Amino acid sequence: MSLPTSSSSGIGVLLVNLGTPDAPTPQAVKRYLREFLSDRRVVEIPPIAWQPILRGIILNTRPKKSAHAYQQVWTEAGSPLAAITAEQAARLQERMGAAVRVAYAMRYGQPAIATQLEALMEAGCERILLAPLYPQYCGATTATVVDAAGDALKALRAQPTLRTLPPYYDDPAYIGALAADLRGRLDALPFAPEVLLLSFHGMPERTRALGDPYYSHCLETARLLEAALDRPSLRFVTTFQSRFGRAKWLEPATDTVIAEEAKRGTRCLAVVAPGFSADCLETLEELAIRGREQFLAAGGEAFGALPCLNAENAGMDMLETLVRRELAGWL
């Protein structure tokens, strides 16, 4: 990403999202998965046991299947996640003006966190806000962004001063943005949903048992969002998606609930993924495509997959509010 050329007070903001392959091909997906699934925070199995499985089985079987999924959602601008995150950075730059330089990075893939931190420093930023775009804290998301930033700083003799955007799962600005956006999305549907699934990314149950607060953060977001929307006629159900491997993951599982709701007589259902700051493979393929297929195949009649906040006004108002708050004393 090219940084704006303007007078700067030495303040930078680095938005960080999970990551994406460079292309919807098995080779690119394999490179991405190798980096992603080798992170000890993502897969906590000891490397001596995990790496043979990863390199001998998963990286030889999963890339082709995942590449097919990416091909269904790839756009002219490339990966939806990367394109939307780039747009979020550009729109935030417009809002912040010349006093701040805004860049974005991917935790896995490109542009890398280390590269973007270096670019911000070369642009004169001595104080940088690291902004992981994960509302709910999880060791496998927020913490690994901080890890990567720390690894990058280890190589520097002259380091910038770094702040990190806290989790914002219960922040009024976040809940308000979600509620405002969802009201419009729900009212625009050509049907009245009986159920709204709030689908969060899953994680192994063992991770929760070891003390990760992610699960409780998700439940609190769901509680606050239901209260803010205040739609007594709509039944809210919190679920967890994207199970991987044989270990027990957080429940109830999104795909299971989608099918069960249809079989129990729910005719109209909508789903939204409030834990994702930008639409990506998990929302556009797993929910909007496969979720719809599952619901209709099980007897449902109308299915709506609602977009994430993305770079729309409600989401950008929230992001600007959070960033300005964390830059207090610097600006």
C-alpha atoms as a PDB file:
ATOM      1  CA  MET A   1       0.000   0.000   0.000  1.00  0.00           C
ATOM      2  CA  SER A   2       1.392   3.402  -0.921  1.00  0.00           C
ATOM      3  CA  LEU A   3       1.308   5.796   1.985  1.00  0.00           C
ATOM      4  CA  PRO A   4       0.049   9.373   1.564  1.00  0.00           C
ATOM      5  CA  THR A   5       2.666  12.023   1.009  1.00  0.00           C
ATOM      6  CA  SER A   6       1.836  14.800   3.426  1.00  0.00           C
ATOM      7  CA  SER A   7       3.245  16.569   6.416  1.00  0.00           C
ATOM      8  CA  SER A   8       3.020  14.187   9.365  1.00  0.00           C
ATOM      9  CA  SER A   9       3.175  14.583  13.087  1.00  0.00           C
ATOM     10  CA  GLY A  10       4.812  11.181  13.273  1.00  0.00           C
ATOM     11  CA  ILE A  11       1.651   9.207  14.112  1.00  0.00           C
ATOM     12  CA  GLY A  12       0.690   6.031  12.276  1.00  0.00           C
ATOM     13  CA  VAL A  13      -2.230   3.607  12.404  1.00  0.00           C
ATOM     14  CA  LEU A  14      -1.828   0.038  11.189  1.00  0.00           C
ATOM     15  CA  LEU A  15      -5.076  -1.850  10.626  1.00  0.00           C
ATOM     16  CA  VAL A  16      -4.527  -5.615  10.737  1.00  0.00           C
ATOM     17  CA  ASN A  17      -6.786  -8.414   9.588  1.00  0.00           C
ATOM     18  CA  LEU A  18      -6.257 -12.160   9.481  1.00  0.00           C
ATOM     19  CA  GLY A  19      -4.979 -12.705   5.979  1.00  0.00           C
ATOM     20  CA  THR A  20      -5.661 -14.304   2.647  1.00  0.00           C
ATOM     21  CA  PRO A  21      -3.909 -16.182  -0.158  1.00  0.00           C
ATOM     22  CA  ASP A  22      -2.465 -14.072  -2.948  1.00  0.00           C
ATOM     23  CA  ALA A  23      -4.565 -15.926  -5.506  1.00  0.00           C
ATOM     24  CA  PRO A  24      -7.396 -18.503  -5.550  1.00  0.00           C
ATOM     25  CA  THR A  25      -5.038 -21.299  -6.576  1.00  0.00           C
ATOM     26  CA  PRO A  26      -3.933 -24.443  -4.736  1.00  0.00           C
ATOM     27  CA  GLN A  27      -0.319 -23.233  -4.747  1.00  0.00           C
ATOM     28  CA  ALA A  28      -1.171 -19.842  -3.196  1.00  0.00           C
ATOM     29  CA  VAL A  29      -3.552 -21.409  -0.694  1.00  0.00           C
ATOM     30  CA  LYS A  30      -0.866 -23.907   0.299  1.00  0.00           C
ATOM     31  CA  ARG A  31       1.610 -21.095   1.057  1.00  0.00           C
ATOM     32  CA  TYR A  32      -1.018 -19.274   3.083  1.00  0.00           C
ATOM     33  CA  LEU A  33      -2.104 -22.337   5.059  1.00  0.00           C
ATOM     34  CA  ARG A  34       1.501 -23.307   5.792  1.00  0.00           C
ATOM     35  CA  GLU A  35       2.093 -19.944   7.469  1.00  0.00           C
ATOM     36  CA  PHE A  36      -1.310 -19.775   9.163  1.00  0.00           C
ATOM     37  CA  LEU A  37      -1.414 -23.316  10.523  1.00  0.00           C
ATOM     38  CA  SER A  38       2.197 -23.206  11.693  1.00  0.00           C
ATOM     39  CA  ASP A  39       1.403 -20.462  14.207  1.00  0.00           C
ATOM     40  CA  ARG A  40       1.598 -21.993  17.690  1.00  0.00           C
ATOM     41  CA  ARG A  41      -1.287 -19.811  18.850  1.00  0.00           C
ATOM     42  CA  VAL A  42      -3.536 -21.055  16.042  1.00  0.00           C
ATOM     43  CA  VAL A  43      -2.727 -24.743  16.493  1.00  0.00           C
ATOM     44  CA  GLU A  44      -1.548 -25.539  20.001  1.00  0.00           C
ATOM     45  CA  ILE A  45      -0.505 -29.123  19.280  1.00  0.00           C
ATOM     46  CA  PRO A  46       3.263 -29.559  19.864  1.00  0.00           C
ATOM     47  CA  PRO A  47       5.103 -29.065  16.537  1.00  0.00           C
ATOM     48  CA  ILE A  48       6.776 -32.469  16.748  1.00  0.00           C
ATOM     49  CA  ALA A  49       3.304 -34.022  16.482  1.00  0.00           C
ATOM     50  CA  TRP A  50       1.573 -31.378  14.374  1.00  0.00           C
ATOM     51  CA  GLN A  51       4.072 -30.580  11.615  1.00  0.00           C
ATOM     52  CA  PRO A  52       4.099 -34.120  10.108  1.00  0.00           C
ATOM     53  CA  ILE A  53       0.296 -33.984   9.952  1.00  0.00           C
ATOM     54  CA  LEU A  54       0.323 -30.484   8.476  1.00  0.00           C
ATOM     55  CA  ARG A  55       3.002 -31.136   5.862  1.00  0.00           C
ATOM     56  CA  GLY A  56       2.197 -34.740   5.131  1.00  0.00           C
ATOM     57  CA  ILE A  57      -1.597 -34.639   4.967  1.00  0.00           C
ATOM     58  CA  ILE A  58      -3.281 -31.229   5.284  1.00  0.00           C
ATOM     59  CA  LEU A  59      -1.085 -29.257   2.890  1.00  0.00           C
ATOM     60  CA  ASN A  60      -1.449 -32.023   0.304  1.00  0.00           C
ATOM     61  CA  THR A  61      -5.238 -32.281   0.502  1.00  0.00           C
ATOM     62  CA  ARG A  62      -6.856 -29.078   1.771  1.00  0.00           C
ATOM     63  CA  PRO A  63      -5.419 -26.436  -0.647  1.00  0.00           C
ATOM     64  CA  LYS A  64      -7.350 -27.741  -3.666  1.00  0.00           C
ATOM     65  CA  LYS A  65     -10.655 -27.709  -1.794  1.00  0.00           C
ATOM     66  CA  SER A  66      -9.994 -24.294  -0.257  1.00  0.00           C
ATOM     67  CA  ALA A  67      -8.888 -22.866  -3.621  1.00  0.00           C
ATOM     68  CA  HIS A  68     -12.236 -23.899  -5.110  1.00  0.00           C
ATOM     69  CA  ALA A  69     -14.012 -22.061  -2.290  1.00  0.00           C
ATOM     70  CA  TYR A  70     -11.897 -18.935  -2.825  1.00  0.00           C
ATOM     71  CA  GLN A  71     -12.646 -19.028  -6.550  1.00  0.00           C
ATOM     72  CA  GLN A  72     -16.350 -18.641  -5.782  1.00  0.00           C
ATOM     73  CA  VAL A  73     -15.843 -15.355  -3.917  1.00  0.00           C
ATOM     74  CA  TRP A  74     -12.761 -13.843  -5.632  1.00  0.00           C
ATOM     75  CA  THR A  75     -13.355 -10.438  -7.209  1.00  0.00           C
ATOM     76  CA  GLU A  76     -11.689  -8.241  -9.810  1.00  0.00           C
ATOM     77  CA  ALA A  77     -10.046  -6.439  -6.882  1.00  0.00           C
ATOM     78  CA  GLY A  78      -8.726  -9.776  -5.583  1.00  0.00           C
ATOM     79  CA  SER A  79      -9.482 -11.327  -2.224  1.00  0.00           C
ATOM     80  CA  PRO A  80     -12.588  -9.718  -0.685  1.00  0.00           C
ATOM     81  CA  LEU A  81     -10.913  -9.531   2.728  1.00  0.00           C
ATOM     82  CA  ALA A  82      -7.823  -7.768   1.386  1.00  0.00           C
ATOM     83  CA  ALA A  83      -9.815  -5.420  -0.859  1.00  0.00           C
ATOM     84  CA  ILE A  84     -12.217  -4.415   1.918  1.00  0.00           C
ATOM     85  CA  THR A  85      -9.424  -3.916   4.462  1.00  0.00           C
ATOM     86  CA  ALA A  86      -7.582  -1.724   1.954  1.00  0.00           C
ATOM     87  CA  GLU A  87     -10.767   0.307   1.470  1.00  0.00           C
ATOM     88  CA  GLN A  88     -11.203   0.649   5.233  1.00  0.00           C
ATOM     89  CA  ALA A  89      -7.650   1.995   5.497  1.00  0.00           C
ATOM     90  CA  ALA A  90      -8.193   4.432   2.636  1.00  0.00           C
ATOM     91  CA  ARG A  91     -11.470   5.734   4.070  1.00  0.00           C
ATOM     92  CA  LEU A  92      -9.984   6.054   7.540  1.00  0.00           C
ATOM     93  CA  GLN A  93      -7.081   8.016   6.052  1.00  0.00           C
ATOM     94  CA  GLU A  94      -9.577  10.449   4.519  1.00  0.00           C
ATOM     95  CA  ARG A  95     -11.270  10.896   7.887  1.00  0.00           C
ATOM     96  CA  MET A  96      -8.074  11.309   9.914  1.00  0.00           C
ATOM     97  CA  GLY A  97      -6.444  13.758   7.555  1.00  0.00           C
ATOM     98  CA  ALA A  98      -2.764  14.636   7.268  1.00  0.00           C
ATOM     99  CA  ALA A  99      -2.085  14.357  10.993  1.00  0.00           C
ATOM    100  CA  VAL A 100      -2.071  10.549  10.805  1.00  0.00           C
ATOM    101  CA  ARG A 101      -0.780   8.019   8.301  1.00  0.00           C
ATOM    102  CA  VAL A 102      -2.968   4.937   7.900  1.00  0.00           C
ATOM    103  CA  ALA A 103      -1.799   1.613   6.494  1.00  0.00           C
ATOM    104  CA  TYR A 104      -3.079  -1.943   6.609  1.00  0.00           C
ATOM    105  CA  ALA A 105      -1.495  -5.370   6.917  1.00  0.00           C
ATOM    106  CA  MET A 106      -2.417  -9.038   6.955  1.00  0.00           C
ATOM    107  CA  ARG A 107      -1.273 -11.252   9.815  1.00  0.00           C
ATOM    108  CA  TYR A 108      -0.728 -14.065   7.329  1.00  0.00           C
ATOM    109  CA  GLY A 109       0.101 -13.235   3.737  1.00  0.00           C
ATOM    110  CA  GLN A 110       0.703  -9.809   2.227  1.00  0.00           C
ATOM    111  CA  PRO A 111       1.211  -7.003   3.024  1.00  0.00           C
ATOM    112  CA  ALA A 112       3.019  -8.276   6.096  1.00  0.00           C
ATOM    113  CA  ILE A 113       2.960  -6.542   9.470  1.00  0.00           C
ATOM    114  CA  ALA A 114       6.748  -6.143   9.547  1.00  0.00           C
ATOM    115  CA  THR A 115       6.788  -4.561   6.082  1.00  0.00           C
ATOM    116  CA  GLN A 116       4.071  -2.076   6.923  1.00  0.00           C
ATOM    117  CA  LEU A 117       5.577  -1.103  10.271  1.00  0.00           C
ATOM    118  CA  GLU A 118       8.842  -0.391   8.475  1.00  0.00           C
ATOM    119  CA  ALA A 119       7.013   1.664   5.832  1.00  0.00           C
ATOM    120  CA  LEU A 120       5.274   3.742   8.496  1.00  0.00           C
ATOM    121  CA  MET A 121       8.576   4.368  10.258  1.00  0.00           C
ATOM    122  CA  GLU A 122      10.243   5.376   6.985  1.00  0.00           C
ATOM    123  CA  ALA A 123       7.361   7.814   6.504  1.00  0.00           C
ATOM    124  CA  GLY A 124       8.286   9.471   9.808  1.00  0.00           C
ATOM    125  CA  CYS A 125       5.906   7.713  12.204  1.00  0.00           C
ATOM    126  CA  GLU A 126       7.517   7.398  15.626  1.00  0.00           C
ATOM    127  CA  ARG A 127       4.232   6.540  17.363  1.00  0.00           C
ATOM    128  CA  ILE A 128       2.032   3.810  15.906  1.00  0.00           C
ATOM    129  CA  LEU A 129      -1.364   2.439  16.888  1.00  0.00           C
ATOM    130  CA  LEU A 130      -1.588  -1.264  16.092  1.00  0.00           C
ATOM    131  CA  ALA A 131      -5.262  -1.970  15.394  1.00  0.00           C
ATOM    132  CA  PRO A 132      -6.232  -5.660  15.162  1.00  0.00           C
ATOM    133  CA  LEU A 133      -9.684  -5.683  13.560  1.00  0.00           C
ATOM    134  CA  TYR A 134     -11.037  -8.369  15.889  1.00  0.00           C
ATOM    135  CA  PRO A 135     -13.825  -7.132  18.185  1.00  0.00           C
ATOM    136  CA  GLN A 136     -13.572 -10.179  20.453  1.00  0.00           C
ATOM    137  CA  TYR A 137     -10.164 -11.023  21.891  1.00  0.00           C
ATOM    138  CA  CYS A 138      -8.707 -14.447  21.134  1.00  0.00           C
ATOM    139  CA  GLY A 139      -5.174 -15.715  21.519  1.00  0.00           C
ATOM    140  CA  ALA A 140      -5.313 -17.042  17.948  1.00  0.00           C
ATOM    141  CA  THR A 141      -6.204 -13.628  16.510  1.00  0.00           C
ATOM    142  CA  THR A 142      -5.458 -10.527  18.587  1.00  0.00           C
ATOM    143  CA  ALA A 143      -2.508 -12.005  20.464  1.00  0.00           C
ATOM    144  CA  THR A 144      -0.801 -13.332  17.366  1.00  0.00           C
ATOM    145  CA  VAL A 145      -0.960  -9.847  15.792  1.00  0.00           C
ATOM    146  CA  VAL A 146       0.871  -8.491  18.826  1.00  0.00           C
ATOM    147  CA  ASP A 147       3.341 -11.389  18.554  1.00  0.00           C
ATOM    148  CA  ALA A 148       4.101 -10.537  14.936  1.00  0.00           C
ATOM    149  CA  ALA A 149       4.561  -6.858  15.729  1.00  0.00           C
ATOM    150  CA  GLY A 150       6.902  -7.780  18.576  1.00  0.00           C
ATOM    151  CA  ASP A 151       8.925 -10.039  16.308  1.00  0.00           C
ATOM    152  CA  ALA A 152       9.271  -7.179  13.820  1.00  0.00           C
ATOM    153  CA  LEU A 153      10.415  -4.772  16.528  1.00  0.00           C
ATOM    154  CA  LYS A 154      13.048  -7.237  17.745  1.00  0.00           C
ATOM    155  CA  ALA A 155      15.036  -6.594  14.588  1.00  0.00           C
ATOM    156  CA  LEU A 156      15.022  -2.812  15.027  1.00  0.00           C
ATOM    157  CA  ARG A 157      17.575  -0.780  16.933  1.00  0.00           C
ATOM    158  CA  ALA A 158      15.354   2.327  16.840  1.00  0.00           C
ATOM    159  CA  GLN A 159      11.799   1.290  17.659  1.00  0.00           C
ATOM    160  CA  PRO A 160       8.555   3.257  17.426  1.00  0.00           C
ATOM    161  CA  THR A 161       6.301   3.701  20.426  1.00  0.00           C
ATOM    162  CA  LEU A 162       3.473   1.221  20.018  1.00  0.00           C
ATOM    163  CA  ARG A 163      -0.097   1.165  21.296  1.00  0.00           C
ATOM    164  CA  THR A 164      -2.600  -1.621  20.649  1.00  0.00           C
ATOM    165  CA  LEU A 165      -6.315  -1.178  20.071  1.00  0.00           C
ATOM    166  CA  PRO A 166      -8.118  -3.102  22.828  1.00  0.00           C
ATOM    167  CA  PRO A 167     -10.893  -5.616  22.105  1.00  0.00           C
ATOM    168  CA  TYR A 168     -14.130  -3.728  21.508  1.00  0.00           C
ATOM    169  CA  TYR A 169     -16.694  -6.525  21.812  1.00  0.00           C
ATOM    170  CA  ASP A 170     -18.852  -4.540  24.271  1.00  0.00           C
ATOM    171  CA  ASP A 171     -17.994  -1.008  23.186  1.00  0.00           C
ATOM    172  CA  PRO A 172     -21.095   1.160  22.636  1.00  0.00           C
ATOM    173  CA  ALA A 173     -19.625   2.401  19.352  1.00  0.00           C
ATOM    174  CA  TYR A 174     -19.328  -1.179  18.056  1.00  0.00           C
ATOM    175  CA  ILE A 175     -22.727  -2.356  19.296  1.00  0.00           C
ATOM    176  CA  GLY A 176     -24.320   0.832  17.985  1.00  0.00           C
ATOM    177  CA  ALA A 177     -22.731   0.404  14.559  1.00  0.00           C
ATOM    178  CA  LEU A 178     -23.865  -3.208  14.328  1.00  0.00           C
ATOM    179  CA  ALA A 179     -27.399  -2.358  15.404  1.00  0.00           C
ATOM    180  CA  ALA A 180     -27.707   0.598  13.022  1.00  0.00           C
ATOM    181  CA  ASP A 181     -26.397  -1.422  10.095  1.00  0.00           C
ATOM    182  CA  LEU A 182     -28.520  -4.486  10.861  1.00  0.00           C
ATOM    183  CA  ARG A 183     -31.739  -2.516  11.201  1.00  0.00           C
ATOM    184  CA  GLY A 184     -31.377  -1.363   7.624  1.00  0.00           C
ATOM    185  CA  ARG A 185     -30.277  -4.785   6.365  1.00  0.00           C
ATOM    186  CA  LEU A 186     -33.156  -6.609   8.039  1.00  0.00           C
ATOM    187  CA  ASP A 187     -35.755  -4.101   6.850  1.00  0.00           C
ATOM    188  CA  ALA A 188     -34.440  -4.398   3.274  1.00  0.00           C
ATOM    189  CA  LEU A 189     -34.891  -8.177   3.117  1.00  0.00           C
ATOM    190  CA  PRO A 190     -37.744  -9.335   0.861  1.00  0.00           C
ATOM    191  CA  PHE A 191     -38.987 -11.510   3.720  1.00  0.00           C
ATOM    192  CA  ALA A 192     -39.383 -11.251   7.481  1.00  0.00           C
ATOM    193  CA  PRO A 193     -36.901 -13.601   9.167  1.00  0.00           C
ATOM    194  CA  GLU A 194     -38.114 -15.605  12.118  1.00  0.00           C
ATOM    195  CA  VAL A 195     -34.565 -16.263  13.330  1.00  0.00           C
ATOM    196  CA  LEU A 196     -31.354 -14.244  13.230  1.00  0.00           C
ATOM    197  CA  LEU A 197     -28.230 -16.362  13.647  1.00  0.00           C
ATOM    198  CA  LEU A 198     -25.275 -14.504  15.134  1.00  0.00           C
ATOM    199  CA  SER A 199     -22.456 -16.652  13.799  1.00  0.00           C
ATOM    200  CA  PHE A 200     -18.989 -16.201  15.307  1.00  0.00           C
ATOM    201  CA  HIS A 201     -15.818 -17.967  14.244  1.00  0.00           C
ATOM    202  CA  GLY A 202     -15.269 -21.046  16.362  1.00  0.00           C
ATOM    203  CA  MET A 203     -12.307 -22.216  18.392  1.00  0.00           C
ATOM    204  CA  PRO A 204     -11.432 -25.465  20.176  1.00  0.00           C
ATOM    205  CA  GLU A 205     -13.293 -25.992  23.442  1.00  0.00           C
ATOM    206  CA  ARG A 206      -9.919 -26.697  25.054  1.00  0.00           C
ATOM    207  CA  THR A 207      -8.845 -23.128  24.322  1.00  0.00           C
ATOM    208  CA  ARG A 208     -11.804 -21.771  26.271  1.00  0.00           C
ATOM    209  CA  ALA A 209     -11.119 -24.172  29.133  1.00  0.00           C
ATOM    210  CA  LEU A 210      -7.541 -22.879  29.333  1.00  0.00           C
ATOM    211  CA  GLY A 211      -8.761 -19.352  29.959  1.00  0.00           C
ATOM    212  CA  ASP A 212      -9.166 -17.645  26.585  1.00  0.00           C
ATOM    213  CA  PRO A 213     -11.943 -15.015  26.990  1.00  0.00           C
ATOM    214  CA  TYR A 214     -13.154 -15.257  23.379  1.00  0.00           C
ATOM    215  CA  TYR A 215     -16.273 -17.314  24.112  1.00  0.00           C
ATOM    216  CA  SER A 216     -17.497 -14.962  26.839  1.00  0.00           C
ATOM    217  CA  HIS A 217     -16.747 -11.957  24.602  1.00  0.00           C
ATOM    218  CA  CYS A 218     -18.915 -13.444  21.850  1.00  0.00           C
ATOM    219  CA  LEU A 219     -21.795 -14.122  24.210  1.00  0.00           C
ATOM    220  CA  GLU A 220     -21.631 -10.572  25.565  1.00  0.00           C
ATOM    221  CA  THR A 221     -21.635  -9.106  22.050  1.00  0.00           C
ATOM    222  CA  ALA A 222     -24.681 -11.226  21.214  1.00  0.00           C
ATOM    223  CA  ARG A 223     -26.503 -10.164  24.384  1.00  0.00           C
ATOM    224  CA  LEU A 224     -25.837  -6.478  23.845  1.00  0.00           C
ATOM    225  CA  LEU A 225     -26.724  -6.617  20.154  1.00  0.00           C
ATOM    226  CA  GLU A 226     -30.038  -8.351  20.803  1.00  0.00           C
ATOM    227  CA  ALA A 227     -30.901  -5.713  23.391  1.00  0.00           C
ATOM    228  CA  ALA A 228     -29.901  -2.869  21.061  1.00  0.00           C
ATOM    229  CA  LEU A 229     -31.951  -4.206  18.143  1.00  0.00           C
ATOM    230  CA  ASP A 230     -35.008  -4.671  20.389  1.00  0.00           C
ATOM    231  CA  ARG A 231     -37.031  -6.858  18.010  1.00  0.00           C
ATOM    232  CA  PRO A 232     -39.246  -9.113  20.128  1.00  0.00           C
ATOM    233  CA  SER A 233     -40.613 -10.859  17.027  1.00  0.00           C
ATOM    234  CA  LEU A 234     -37.127 -12.011  16.023  1.00  0.00           C
ATOM    235  CA  ARG A 235     -35.509 -14.985  17.736  1.00  0.00           C
ATOM    236  CA  PHE A 236     -31.741 -14.637  18.193  1.00  0.00           C
ATOM    237  CA  VAL A 237     -29.443 -17.680  18.207  1.00  0.00           C
ATOM    238  CA  THR A 238     -25.673 -17.520  18.797  1.00  0.00           C
ATOM    239  CA  THR A 239     -23.594 -20.112  16.923  1.00  0.00           C
ATOM    240  CA  PHE A 240     -19.970 -20.854  16.005  1.00  0.00           C
ATOM    241  CA  GLN A 241     -18.666 -21.692  12.547  1.00  0.00           C
ATOM    242  CA  SER A 242     -15.568 -22.961  10.722  1.00  0.00           C
ATOM    243  CA  ARG A 243     -14.772 -26.095  12.697  1.00  0.00           C
ATOM    244  CA  PHE A 244     -11.414 -27.641  11.836  1.00  0.00           C
ATOM    245  CA  GLY A 245     -10.026 -31.043  12.776  1.00  0.00           C
ATOM    246  CA  ARG A 246     -11.413 -33.669  15.134  1.00  0.00           C
ATOM    247  CA  ALA A 247     -11.189 -31.803  18.439  1.00  0.00           C
ATOM    248  CA  LYS A 248     -14.361 -30.594  20.140  1.00  0.00           C
ATOM    249  CA  TRP A 249     -15.094 -26.972  19.186  1.00  0.00           C
ATOM    250  CA  LEU A 250     -17.416 -24.358  20.603  1.00  0.00           C
ATOM    251  CA  GLU A 251     -21.077 -25.166  20.169  1.00  0.00           C
ATOM    252  CA  PRO A 252     -23.684 -24.932  18.840  1.00  0.00           C
ATOM    253  CA  ALA A 253     -22.195 -25.224  15.359  1.00  0.00           C
ATOM    254  CA  THR A 254     -23.588 -22.850  12.745  1.00  0.00           C
ATOM    255  CA  ASP A 255     -24.040 -25.433   9.999  1.00  0.00           C
ATOM    256  CA  THR A 256     -25.809 -27.823  12.365  1.00  0.00           C
ATOM    257  CA  VAL A 257     -28.184 -25.142  13.624  1.00  0.00           C
ATOM    258  CA  ILE A 258     -28.995 -23.944  10.098  1.00  0.00           C
ATOM    259  CA  ALA A 259     -30.165 -27.417   9.117  1.00  0.00           C
ATOM    260  CA  GLU A 260     -31.927 -28.061  12.419  1.00  0.00           C
ATOM    261  CA  GLU A 261     -33.882 -24.798  12.250  1.00  0.00           C
ATOM    262  CA  ALA A 262     -35.259 -25.709   8.813  1.00  0.00           C
ATOM    263  CA  LYS A 263     -36.171 -29.214   9.934  1.00  0.00           C
ATOM    264  CA  ARG A 264     -37.992 -27.794  12.979  1.00  0.00           C
ATOM    265  CA  GLY A 265     -40.163 -25.612  10.791  1.00  0.00           C
ATOM    266  CA  THR A 266     -38.324 -22.295  10.541  1.00  0.00           C
ATOM    267  CA  ARG A 267     -39.178 -21.011   7.074  1.00  0.00           C
ATOM    268  CA  CYS A 268     -37.250 -17.725   6.986  1.00  0.00           C
ATOM    269  CA  LEU A 269     -33.795 -17.258   8.483  1.00  0.00           C
ATOM    270  CA  ALA A 270     -31.074 -14.609   8.344  1.00  0.00           C
ATOM    271  CA  VAL A 271     -27.469 -14.897   9.456  1.00  0.00           C
ATOM    272  CA  VAL A 272     -24.817 -12.301  10.250  1.00  0.00           C
ATOM    273  CA  ALA A 273     -21.212 -12.654  11.426  1.00  0.00           C
ATOM    274  CA  PRO A 274     -20.646  -9.787  13.896  1.00  0.00           C
ATOM    275  CA  GLY A 275     -17.147 -10.970  14.831  1.00  0.00           C
ATOM    276  CA  PHE A 276     -15.811 -10.334  11.314  1.00  0.00           C
ATOM    277  CA  SER A 277     -14.888  -6.747  10.447  1.00  0.00           C
ATOM    278  CA  ALA A 278     -14.895  -7.496   6.706  1.00  0.00           C
ATOM    279  CA  ASP A 279     -16.544 -10.045   4.469  1.00  0.00           C
ATOM    280  CA  CYS A 280     -14.280 -12.954   3.625  1.00  0.00           C
ATOM    281  CA  LEU A 281     -14.297 -16.629   2.712  1.00  0.00           C
ATOM    282  CA  GLU A 282     -16.041 -17.552   5.960  1.00  0.00           C
ATOM    283  CA  THR A 283     -18.943 -15.160   5.365  1.00  0.00           C
ATOM    284  CA  LEU A 284     -19.245 -15.148   1.575  1.00  0.00           C
ATOM    285  CA  GLU A 285     -18.728 -18.859   0.898  1.00  0.00           C
ATOM    286  CA  GLU A 286     -19.330 -20.704   4.155  1.00  0.00           C
ATOM    287  CA  LEU A 287     -22.406 -18.720   5.195  1.00  0.00           C
ATOM    288  CA  ALA A 288     -23.865 -17.058   2.096  1.00  0.00           C
ATOM    289  CA  ILE A 289     -23.351 -19.996  -0.292  1.00  0.00           C
ATOM    290  CA  ARG A 290     -23.111 -23.204   1.720  1.00  0.00           C
ATOM    291  CA  GLY A 291     -25.355 -21.944   4.501  1.00  0.00           C
ATOM    292  CA  ARG A 292     -28.082 -21.110   2.026  1.00  0.00           C
ATOM    293  CA  GLU A 293     -27.760 -24.502   0.373  1.00  0.00           C
ATOM    294  CA  GLN A 294     -27.990 -26.260   3.739  1.00  0.00           C
ATOM    295  CA  PHE A 295     -31.065 -24.310   4.816  1.00  0.00           C
ATOM    296  CA  LEU A 296     -32.991 -24.807   1.594  1.00  0.00           C
ATOM    297  CA  ALA A 297     -32.034 -28.486   1.342  1.00  0.00           C
ATOM    298  CA  ALA A 298     -33.376 -29.050   4.858  1.00  0.00           C
ATOM    299  CA  GLY A 299     -36.752 -27.509   4.008  1.00  0.00           C
ATOM    300  CA  GLY A 300     -36.261 -23.784   4.590  1.00  0.00           C
ATOM    301  CA  GLU A 301     -37.770 -21.280   2.175  1.00  0.00           C
ATOM    302  CA  ALA A 302     -35.932 -17.943   2.528  1.00  0.00           C
ATOM    303  CA  PHE A 303     -32.339 -17.349   3.638  1.00  0.00           C
ATOM    304  CA  GLY A 304     -30.471 -14.076   3.986  1.00  0.00           C
ATOM    305  CA  ALA A 305     -26.738 -13.701   4.653  1.00  0.00           C
ATOM    306  CA  LEU A 306     -26.189 -10.135   5.847  1.00  0.00           C
ATOM    307  CA  PRO A 307     -22.906  -8.330   5.075  1.00  0.00           C
ATOM    308  CA  CYS A 308     -20.311  -7.358   7.659  1.00  0.00           C
ATOM    309  CA  LEU A 309     -19.759  -3.711   8.538  1.00  0.00           C
ATOM    310  CA  ASN A 310     -17.021  -3.526   5.882  1.00  0.00           C
ATOM    311  CA  ALA A 311     -16.213   0.038   4.777  1.00  0.00           C
ATOM    312  CA  GLU A 312     -19.791   1.314   5.026  1.00  0.00           C
ATOM    313  CA  ASN A 313     -20.527   4.471   6.981  1.00  0.00           C
ATOM    314  CA  ALA A 314     -21.672   2.791  10.221  1.00  0.00           C
ATOM    315  CA  GLY A 315     -18.519   0.700  10.392  1.00  0.00           C
ATOM    316  CA  MET A 316     -16.236   3.577   9.482  1.00  0.00           C
ATOM    317  CA  ASP A 317     -17.867   5.861  12.060  1.00  0.00           C
ATOM    318  CA  MET A 318     -17.148   3.183  14.663  1.00  0.00           C
ATOM    319  CA  LEU A 319     -13.563   2.674  13.516  1.00  0.00           C
ATOM    320  CA  GLU A 320     -12.838   6.380  13.536  1.00  0.00           C
ATOM    321  CA  THR A 321     -14.292   6.681  17.042  1.00  0.00           C
ATOM    322  CA  LEU A 322     -12.154   3.822  18.369  1.00  0.00           C
ATOM    323  CA  VAL A 323      -8.966   5.034  16.683  1.00  0.00           C
ATOM    324  CA  ARG A 324      -9.339   8.639  17.817  1.00  0.00           C
ATOM    325  CA  ARG A 325      -9.967   7.454  21.364  1.00  0.00           C
ATOM    326  CA  GLU A 326      -6.781   5.353  21.366  1.00  0.00           C
ATOM    327  CA  LEU A 327      -4.767   8.209  19.877  1.00  0.00           C
ATOM    328  CA  ALA A 328      -5.735  10.546  22.722  1.00  0.00           C
ATOM    329  CA  GLY A 329      -2.700  12.421  23.941  1.00  0.00           C
ATOM    330  CA  TRP A 330      -0.921  11.869  20.643  1.00  0.00           C
ATOM    331  CA  LEU A 331      -3.175  13.973  18.429  1.00  0.00           C
END
